[in-house]
Amino acid sequence: MYVFLPSTVPALAALLDEGRLEGEPLTAFTAEPEPGGDPEEAEYEAMYAAAEESLRLLAADPRAPRRRVVLTAEMPDHIVEHQDRHGDGVARVSVRASIPYKKLKAAHVDDERAVADVTKAVEDPGSGAADDHELLWFAVQEIRYVVEDLHG
C-alpha cells in the first residue's frame, strides 16, 4: 500500500542517521478513491492531508524549519491499519512498524517561499495560510541534500 507520512526536517535527519523512520505506530494517509473516482486526485488529497498533519508536528517542535514535509512509502498491507475514511477519497491509517529507508519512494517539501505562510499555519491551523503552496518533489537519494540545506 502506498502511504503518505507527515514529517519534519529534523525527522528526516533522524531517518538518515538511523536508516529507518521510527515511532510506531506512525500516522499516515492513503488514497482510497470512490468507485469511478480519480486515483491521482485521491493521492493528491492524501498527500495534502499528510501535509496538514505535518503542521501539527511543526507546532510540537518550535526549532524545526518551517517547512511541511511528506514522505511517501510502499508498505505491505498487513502492517497498515485503517483508522478512518475522509469523504474526499482519503483514509487515515496507522503503520504498525518502523519504515526502512529502502521503502521510501519520495519526499515532498515546501520551498523557501512558503516559510512565512507555513509559520502562520502552524500558529493558526485553521487559517489555511499554507494552502496555496505546492510541495516540491524530491527523489529519495536527494533527501540528504534537503536535510543538509535546511538542517545543517
N, C-alpha and C. Protein backbone atom coordinates (compact mmCIF):
# COMPACT_ATOMS: atom_id res chain seq x y z
N MET A 1 0.84 -1.17 0.00
CA MET A 1 0.00 0.00 0.00
C MET A 1 0.89 1.24 0.00
N TYR A 2 0.50 2.21 -0.81
CA TYR A 2 1.23 3.46 -0.92
C TYR A 2 0.70 4.39 0.17
N VAL A 3 1.59 4.89 1.05
CA VAL A 3 1.17 5.75 2.15
C VAL A 3 1.93 7.07 2.10
N PHE A 4 1.28 8.10 2.64
CA PHE A 4 1.84 9.44 2.75
C PHE A 4 2.02 9.73 4.22
N LEU A 5 3.26 9.99 4.63
CA LEU A 5 3.60 10.16 6.04
C LEU A 5 3.99 11.59 6.35
N PRO A 6 3.31 12.24 7.29
CA PRO A 6 3.72 13.58 7.69
C PRO A 6 5.06 13.53 8.41
N SER A 7 5.88 14.55 8.20
CA SER A 7 7.20 14.56 8.82
C SER A 7 7.67 16.00 8.99
N THR A 8 8.93 16.12 9.42
CA THR A 8 9.60 17.40 9.58
C THR A 8 11.04 17.23 9.11
N VAL A 9 11.74 18.34 8.96
CA VAL A 9 13.15 18.27 8.56
C VAL A 9 13.99 17.55 9.62
N PRO A 10 13.84 17.84 10.94
CA PRO A 10 14.61 17.08 11.93
C PRO A 10 14.32 15.57 11.89
N ALA A 11 13.08 15.21 11.60
CA ALA A 11 12.75 13.78 11.49
C ALA A 11 13.44 13.18 10.27
N LEU A 12 13.59 13.95 9.19
CA LEU A 12 14.35 13.47 8.03
C LEU A 12 15.81 13.22 8.41
N ALA A 13 16.39 14.12 9.20
CA ALA A 13 17.77 13.94 9.64
C ALA A 13 17.90 12.66 10.47
N ALA A 14 16.94 12.42 11.36
CA ALA A 14 16.96 11.19 12.18
C ALA A 14 16.79 9.96 11.29
N LEU A 15 15.95 10.05 10.29
CA LEU A 15 15.77 8.95 9.33
C LEU A 15 17.09 8.60 8.65
N LEU A 16 17.83 9.61 8.23
CA LEU A 16 19.11 9.35 7.58
C LEU A 16 20.11 8.74 8.55
N ASP A 17 20.13 9.21 9.79
CA ASP A 17 21.05 8.67 10.80
C ASP A 17 20.73 7.23 11.15
N GLU A 18 19.45 6.92 11.30
CA GLU A 18 19.03 5.59 11.77
C GLU A 18 18.74 4.60 10.66
N GLY A 19 18.54 5.11 9.43
CA GLY A 19 18.24 4.22 8.32
C GLY A 19 16.79 3.76 8.29
N ARG A 20 15.98 4.34 9.16
CA ARG A 20 14.57 3.97 9.19
C ARG A 20 13.78 5.07 9.87
N LEU A 21 12.51 5.09 9.59
CA LEU A 21 11.59 6.03 10.23
C LEU A 21 10.97 5.30 11.41
N GLU A 22 11.23 5.83 12.60
CA GLU A 22 10.76 5.21 13.84
C GLU A 22 9.53 5.93 14.36
N GLY A 23 8.87 5.34 15.36
CA GLY A 23 7.77 5.99 16.02
C GLY A 23 6.47 5.22 15.93
N GLU A 24 6.56 3.96 16.03
CA GLU A 24 5.43 3.06 15.87
C GLU A 24 4.33 3.33 16.89
N PRO A 25 3.07 3.39 16.54
CA PRO A 25 2.59 3.40 15.15
C PRO A 25 2.74 4.78 14.54
N LEU A 26 2.94 4.81 13.25
CA LEU A 26 3.12 6.05 12.52
C LEU A 26 1.80 6.43 11.85
N THR A 27 1.39 7.67 12.03
CA THR A 27 0.20 8.16 11.34
C THR A 27 0.53 8.39 9.88
N ALA A 28 -0.36 7.98 9.01
CA ALA A 28 -0.16 8.17 7.58
C ALA A 28 -1.53 8.32 6.91
N PHE A 29 -1.50 8.59 5.64
CA PHE A 29 -2.72 8.75 4.84
C PHE A 29 -2.54 7.96 3.56
N THR A 30 -3.65 7.46 3.04
CA THR A 30 -3.59 6.71 1.80
C THR A 30 -4.78 7.10 0.94
N ALA A 31 -4.64 6.91 -0.35
CA ALA A 31 -5.72 7.24 -1.29
C ALA A 31 -6.67 6.06 -1.41
N GLU A 32 -7.95 6.34 -1.26
CA GLU A 32 -9.00 5.34 -1.46
C GLU A 32 -10.13 6.00 -2.23
N PRO A 33 -9.93 6.16 -3.54
CA PRO A 33 -10.95 6.86 -4.33
C PRO A 33 -12.27 6.10 -4.34
N GLU A 34 -13.35 6.86 -4.42
CA GLU A 34 -14.68 6.28 -4.56
C GLU A 34 -14.74 5.54 -5.89
N PRO A 35 -15.66 4.58 -6.04
CA PRO A 35 -15.82 3.93 -7.36
C PRO A 35 -16.03 4.99 -8.44
N GLY A 36 -15.24 4.90 -9.48
CA GLY A 36 -15.30 5.87 -10.56
C GLY A 36 -14.53 7.14 -10.27
N GLY A 37 -13.95 7.25 -9.05
CA GLY A 37 -13.16 8.42 -8.68
C GLY A 37 -11.80 8.41 -9.33
N ASP A 38 -11.15 9.53 -9.31
CA ASP A 38 -9.83 9.70 -9.92
C ASP A 38 -8.74 9.31 -8.92
N PRO A 39 -8.00 8.22 -9.17
CA PRO A 39 -6.95 7.80 -8.23
C PRO A 39 -5.86 8.85 -8.02
N GLU A 40 -5.49 9.58 -9.08
CA GLU A 40 -4.45 10.60 -8.94
C GLU A 40 -4.94 11.75 -8.06
N GLU A 41 -6.19 12.13 -8.20
CA GLU A 41 -6.75 13.20 -7.36
C GLU A 41 -6.78 12.74 -5.90
N ALA A 42 -7.14 11.48 -5.67
CA ALA A 42 -7.17 10.95 -4.30
C ALA A 42 -5.77 10.93 -3.70
N GLU A 43 -4.75 10.58 -4.49
CA GLU A 43 -3.38 10.61 -4.00
C GLU A 43 -2.95 12.04 -3.65
N TYR A 44 -3.33 12.99 -4.48
CA TYR A 44 -3.03 14.40 -4.21
C TYR A 44 -3.67 14.82 -2.89
N GLU A 45 -4.92 14.46 -2.68
CA GLU A 45 -5.62 14.79 -1.44
C GLU A 45 -4.97 14.11 -0.23
N ALA A 46 -4.53 12.87 -0.40
CA ALA A 46 -3.87 12.15 0.69
C ALA A 46 -2.54 12.81 1.05
N MET A 47 -1.81 13.25 0.03
CA MET A 47 -0.53 13.92 0.28
C MET A 47 -0.77 15.21 1.08
N TYR A 48 -1.80 15.97 0.71
CA TYR A 48 -2.04 17.23 1.42
C TYR A 48 -2.71 17.02 2.78
N ALA A 49 -3.36 15.89 2.98
CA ALA A 49 -3.82 15.55 4.34
C ALA A 49 -2.60 15.31 5.23
N ALA A 50 -1.59 14.64 4.68
CA ALA A 50 -0.34 14.43 5.43
C ALA A 50 0.38 15.76 5.66
N ALA A 51 0.31 16.67 4.70
CA ALA A 51 0.93 17.99 4.87
C ALA A 51 0.24 18.76 6.00
N GLU A 52 -1.07 18.63 6.12
CA GLU A 52 -1.78 19.26 7.24
C GLU A 52 -1.33 18.67 8.58
N GLU A 53 -1.14 17.37 8.60
CA GLU A 53 -0.65 16.72 9.83
C GLU A 53 0.78 17.16 10.14
N SER A 54 1.56 17.44 9.11
CA SER A 54 2.92 17.93 9.30
C SER A 54 2.91 19.26 10.06
N LEU A 55 1.88 20.07 9.86
CA LEU A 55 1.76 21.34 10.60
C LEU A 55 1.68 21.08 12.09
N ARG A 56 0.98 20.02 12.50
CA ARG A 56 0.88 19.68 13.92
C ARG A 56 2.24 19.23 14.47
N LEU A 57 2.98 18.50 13.67
CA LEU A 57 4.33 18.09 14.09
C LEU A 57 5.23 19.31 14.24
N LEU A 58 5.10 20.27 13.34
CA LEU A 58 5.89 21.51 13.44
C LEU A 58 5.51 22.30 14.68
N ALA A 59 4.24 22.32 15.03
CA ALA A 59 3.81 23.03 16.23
C ALA A 59 4.44 22.43 17.48
N ALA A 60 4.67 21.12 17.45
CA ALA A 60 5.27 20.44 18.60
C ALA A 60 6.79 20.60 18.67
N ASP A 61 7.40 21.10 17.60
CA ASP A 61 8.86 21.27 17.54
C ASP A 61 9.19 22.68 17.06
N PRO A 62 9.20 23.65 17.99
CA PRO A 62 9.40 25.05 17.58
C PRO A 62 10.74 25.33 16.91
N ARG A 63 11.73 24.44 17.07
CA ARG A 63 13.04 24.67 16.45
C ARG A 63 13.13 24.11 15.03
N ALA A 64 12.14 23.33 14.62
CA ALA A 64 12.17 22.74 13.27
C ALA A 64 11.97 23.81 12.21
N PRO A 65 12.70 23.72 11.10
CA PRO A 65 12.46 24.64 10.00
C PRO A 65 10.98 24.60 9.59
N ARG A 66 10.43 25.73 9.30
CA ARG A 66 9.01 25.84 8.98
C ARG A 66 8.75 25.43 7.54
N ARG A 67 8.88 24.15 7.31
CA ARG A 67 8.60 23.53 6.02
C ARG A 67 7.78 22.28 6.27
N ARG A 68 6.66 22.15 5.59
CA ARG A 68 5.91 20.90 5.68
C ARG A 68 6.70 19.83 4.93
N VAL A 69 6.70 18.62 5.48
CA VAL A 69 7.39 17.50 4.86
C VAL A 69 6.43 16.33 4.80
N VAL A 70 6.37 15.68 3.65
CA VAL A 70 5.57 14.47 3.48
C VAL A 70 6.46 13.43 2.81
N LEU A 71 6.52 12.26 3.41
CA LEU A 71 7.26 11.15 2.82
C LEU A 71 6.26 10.16 2.22
N THR A 72 6.63 9.57 1.10
CA THR A 72 5.80 8.52 0.52
C THR A 72 6.56 7.21 0.62
N ALA A 73 5.82 6.15 0.91
CA ALA A 73 6.43 4.83 1.07
C ALA A 73 5.47 3.76 0.57
N GLU A 74 6.04 2.68 0.13
CA GLU A 74 5.27 1.50 -0.29
C GLU A 74 5.38 0.48 0.84
N MET A 75 4.25 0.19 1.50
CA MET A 75 4.26 -0.69 2.66
C MET A 75 3.35 -1.90 2.44
N PRO A 76 3.71 -3.04 3.04
CA PRO A 76 2.82 -4.21 2.93
C PRO A 76 1.48 -3.92 3.62
N ASP A 77 0.40 -4.38 3.02
CA ASP A 77 -0.94 -4.12 3.56
C ASP A 77 -1.11 -4.60 4.99
N HIS A 78 -0.47 -5.69 5.36
CA HIS A 78 -0.72 -6.28 6.68
C HIS A 78 -0.19 -5.45 7.85
N ILE A 79 0.65 -4.45 7.58
CA ILE A 79 1.13 -3.61 8.69
C ILE A 79 0.46 -2.24 8.69
N VAL A 80 -0.49 -2.05 7.79
CA VAL A 80 -1.22 -0.77 7.71
C VAL A 80 -2.64 -1.00 8.22
N GLU A 81 -3.00 -0.25 9.25
CA GLU A 81 -4.32 -0.39 9.87
C GLU A 81 -5.14 0.87 9.60
N HIS A 82 -6.32 0.69 9.05
CA HIS A 82 -7.19 1.83 8.77
C HIS A 82 -7.77 2.40 10.06
N GLN A 83 -7.77 3.73 10.17
CA GLN A 83 -8.36 4.40 11.33
C GLN A 83 -9.70 5.01 10.96
N ASP A 84 -9.72 5.85 9.93
CA ASP A 84 -10.98 6.42 9.46
C ASP A 84 -10.83 6.87 8.02
N ARG A 85 -11.97 7.10 7.40
CA ARG A 85 -12.00 7.49 6.00
C ARG A 85 -12.58 8.89 5.89
N HIS A 86 -11.94 9.72 5.08
CA HIS A 86 -12.45 11.05 4.80
C HIS A 86 -13.36 10.95 3.59
N GLY A 87 -14.20 11.91 3.39
CA GLY A 87 -15.10 11.88 2.25
C GLY A 87 -14.44 12.19 0.92
N ASP A 88 -13.20 12.59 0.93
CA ASP A 88 -12.52 13.00 -0.30
C ASP A 88 -11.61 11.92 -0.89
N GLY A 89 -11.90 10.67 -0.59
CA GLY A 89 -11.09 9.58 -1.12
C GLY A 89 -9.79 9.36 -0.37
N VAL A 90 -9.73 9.83 0.87
CA VAL A 90 -8.53 9.72 1.69
C VAL A 90 -8.85 8.93 2.95
N ALA A 91 -7.96 8.04 3.33
CA ALA A 91 -8.10 7.31 4.58
C ALA A 91 -6.91 7.61 5.48
N ARG A 92 -7.19 7.83 6.76
CA ARG A 92 -6.15 7.97 7.77
C ARG A 92 -5.81 6.55 8.22
N VAL A 93 -4.51 6.23 8.28
CA VAL A 93 -4.08 4.89 8.64
C VAL A 93 -2.94 4.97 9.67
N SER A 94 -2.67 3.83 10.28
CA SER A 94 -1.51 3.69 11.16
C SER A 94 -0.60 2.64 10.56
N VAL A 95 0.68 2.95 10.50
CA VAL A 95 1.68 1.97 10.05
C VAL A 95 2.26 1.35 11.30
N ARG A 96 2.09 0.05 11.45
CA ARG A 96 2.44 -0.67 12.67
C ARG A 96 3.85 -1.26 12.64
N ALA A 97 4.78 -0.52 12.08
CA ALA A 97 6.18 -0.96 12.04
C ALA A 97 7.04 0.25 11.68
N SER A 98 8.32 0.18 12.00
CA SER A 98 9.21 1.22 11.52
C SER A 98 9.33 1.06 10.00
N ILE A 99 9.71 2.13 9.35
CA ILE A 99 9.78 2.11 7.89
C ILE A 99 11.23 2.23 7.46
N PRO A 100 11.78 1.17 6.87
CA PRO A 100 13.17 1.24 6.40
C PRO A 100 13.31 2.26 5.26
N TYR A 101 14.45 2.89 5.22
CA TYR A 101 14.77 3.87 4.18
C TYR A 101 14.46 3.31 2.79
N LYS A 102 14.75 2.04 2.58
CA LYS A 102 14.57 1.45 1.24
C LYS A 102 13.09 1.36 0.82
N LYS A 103 12.16 1.53 1.76
CA LYS A 103 10.73 1.51 1.42
C LYS A 103 10.22 2.88 0.98
N LEU A 104 11.02 3.93 1.20
CA LEU A 104 10.61 5.27 0.80
C LEU A 104 10.67 5.41 -0.72
N LYS A 105 9.71 6.16 -1.24
CA LYS A 105 9.65 6.40 -2.68
C LYS A 105 9.99 7.84 -3.05
N ALA A 106 9.68 8.79 -2.16
CA ALA A 106 9.95 10.21 -2.44
C ALA A 106 9.73 11.02 -1.17
N ALA A 107 10.15 12.28 -1.25
CA ALA A 107 9.88 13.25 -0.20
C ALA A 107 9.29 14.48 -0.87
N HIS A 108 8.36 15.12 -0.18
CA HIS A 108 7.72 16.34 -0.68
C HIS A 108 7.94 17.40 0.40
N VAL A 109 8.49 18.54 0.02
CA VAL A 109 8.90 19.56 0.99
C VAL A 109 8.54 20.94 0.45
N ASP A 110 8.11 21.83 1.35
CA ASP A 110 7.84 23.21 0.96
C ASP A 110 9.13 23.90 0.54
N ASP A 111 9.00 24.83 -0.40
CA ASP A 111 10.16 25.64 -0.76
C ASP A 111 10.22 26.88 0.14
N GLU A 112 11.27 27.65 -0.04
CA GLU A 112 11.53 28.80 0.83
C GLU A 112 10.41 29.84 0.80
N ARG A 113 9.74 29.98 -0.34
CA ARG A 113 8.66 30.98 -0.44
C ARG A 113 7.48 30.66 0.47
N ALA A 114 7.37 29.43 0.94
CA ALA A 114 6.24 29.01 1.77
C ALA A 114 6.47 29.25 3.26
N VAL A 115 7.69 29.56 3.67
CA VAL A 115 8.05 29.60 5.09
C VAL A 115 7.14 30.53 5.90
N ALA A 116 6.92 31.75 5.45
CA ALA A 116 6.09 32.69 6.21
C ALA A 116 4.67 32.17 6.35
N ASP A 117 4.12 31.62 5.28
CA ASP A 117 2.75 31.10 5.34
C ASP A 117 2.65 29.82 6.16
N VAL A 118 3.67 28.97 6.09
CA VAL A 118 3.68 27.76 6.92
C VAL A 118 3.76 28.16 8.39
N THR A 119 4.57 29.16 8.69
CA THR A 119 4.67 29.66 10.07
C THR A 119 3.30 30.13 10.56
N LYS A 120 2.58 30.88 9.74
CA LYS A 120 1.23 31.32 10.09
C LYS A 120 0.30 30.13 10.30
N ALA A 121 0.39 29.14 9.42
CA ALA A 121 -0.48 27.95 9.52
C ALA A 121 -0.18 27.13 10.76
N VAL A 122 1.09 27.09 11.18
CA VAL A 122 1.45 26.39 12.41
C VAL A 122 0.82 27.10 13.61
N GLU A 123 0.87 28.42 13.59
CA GLU A 123 0.31 29.21 14.70
C GLU A 123 -1.22 29.18 14.71
N ASP A 124 -1.83 29.09 13.53
CA ASP A 124 -3.29 29.07 13.41
C ASP A 124 -3.67 28.03 12.36
N PRO A 125 -3.80 26.75 12.78
CA PRO A 125 -4.04 25.67 11.82
C PRO A 125 -5.29 25.85 10.95
N GLY A 126 -6.29 26.56 11.43
CA GLY A 126 -7.49 26.76 10.64
C GLY A 126 -7.40 27.88 9.63
N SER A 127 -6.27 28.57 9.59
CA SER A 127 -6.13 29.75 8.72
C SER A 127 -6.04 29.40 7.24
N GLY A 128 -5.56 28.22 6.92
CA GLY A 128 -5.34 27.87 5.52
C GLY A 128 -4.21 28.64 4.88
N ALA A 129 -3.36 29.24 5.69
CA ALA A 129 -2.29 30.11 5.18
C ALA A 129 -1.34 29.40 4.21
N ALA A 130 -1.12 28.10 4.41
CA ALA A 130 -0.18 27.38 3.55
C ALA A 130 -0.86 26.67 2.38
N ASP A 131 -2.16 26.80 2.27
CA ASP A 131 -2.91 26.03 1.27
C ASP A 131 -2.53 26.31 -0.17
N ASP A 132 -2.06 27.50 -0.46
CA ASP A 132 -1.74 27.85 -1.85
C ASP A 132 -0.35 27.42 -2.28
N HIS A 133 0.40 26.80 -1.38
CA HIS A 133 1.77 26.39 -1.70
C HIS A 133 1.81 24.90 -2.07
N GLU A 134 2.42 24.62 -3.20
CA GLU A 134 2.62 23.24 -3.65
C GLU A 134 3.91 22.71 -3.04
N LEU A 135 3.89 21.46 -2.64
CA LEU A 135 5.10 20.82 -2.14
C LEU A 135 6.00 20.44 -3.32
N LEU A 136 7.30 20.58 -3.12
CA LEU A 136 8.27 20.16 -4.13
C LEU A 136 8.56 18.67 -3.97
N TRP A 137 8.78 17.99 -5.09
CA TRP A 137 9.08 16.56 -5.08
C TRP A 137 10.59 16.35 -5.09
N PHE A 138 11.06 15.43 -4.23
CA PHE A 138 12.47 15.05 -4.21
C PHE A 138 12.58 13.53 -4.25
N ALA A 139 13.50 13.05 -5.05
CA ALA A 139 13.79 11.62 -5.06
C ALA A 139 14.42 11.24 -3.73
N VAL A 140 14.30 10.00 -3.36
CA VAL A 140 14.81 9.52 -2.07
C VAL A 140 16.30 9.86 -1.91
N GLN A 141 17.07 9.68 -2.95
CA GLN A 141 18.50 9.95 -2.86
C GLN A 141 18.82 11.43 -2.68
N GLU A 142 17.83 12.31 -2.86
CA GLU A 142 18.03 13.74 -2.66
C GLU A 142 17.72 14.19 -1.23
N ILE A 143 17.14 13.32 -0.42
CA ILE A 143 16.76 13.69 0.95
C ILE A 143 17.95 14.23 1.73
N ARG A 144 19.10 13.60 1.57
CA ARG A 144 20.31 14.04 2.28
C ARG A 144 20.62 15.51 1.98
N TYR A 145 20.48 15.91 0.73
CA TYR A 145 20.78 17.29 0.35
C TYR A 145 19.74 18.27 0.91
N VAL A 146 18.49 17.83 0.95
CA VAL A 146 17.44 18.66 1.55
C VAL A 146 17.77 18.90 3.02
N VAL A 147 18.13 17.83 3.73
CA VAL A 147 18.45 17.94 5.15
C VAL A 147 19.67 18.84 5.36
N GLU A 148 20.72 18.64 4.57
CA GLU A 148 21.93 19.47 4.70
C GLU A 148 21.62 20.94 4.46
N ASP A 149 20.76 21.22 3.49
CA ASP A 149 20.42 22.59 3.15
C ASP A 149 19.57 23.26 4.23
N LEU A 150 18.66 22.51 4.85
CA LEU A 150 17.70 23.10 5.78
C LEU A 150 18.02 22.87 7.25
N HIS A 151 18.79 21.84 7.54
CA HIS A 151 19.02 21.45 8.93
C HIS A 151 20.48 21.65 9.36
N GLY A 152 21.35 21.68 8.38
CA GLY A 152 22.76 21.90 8.70
C GLY A 152 23.47 20.73 9.12
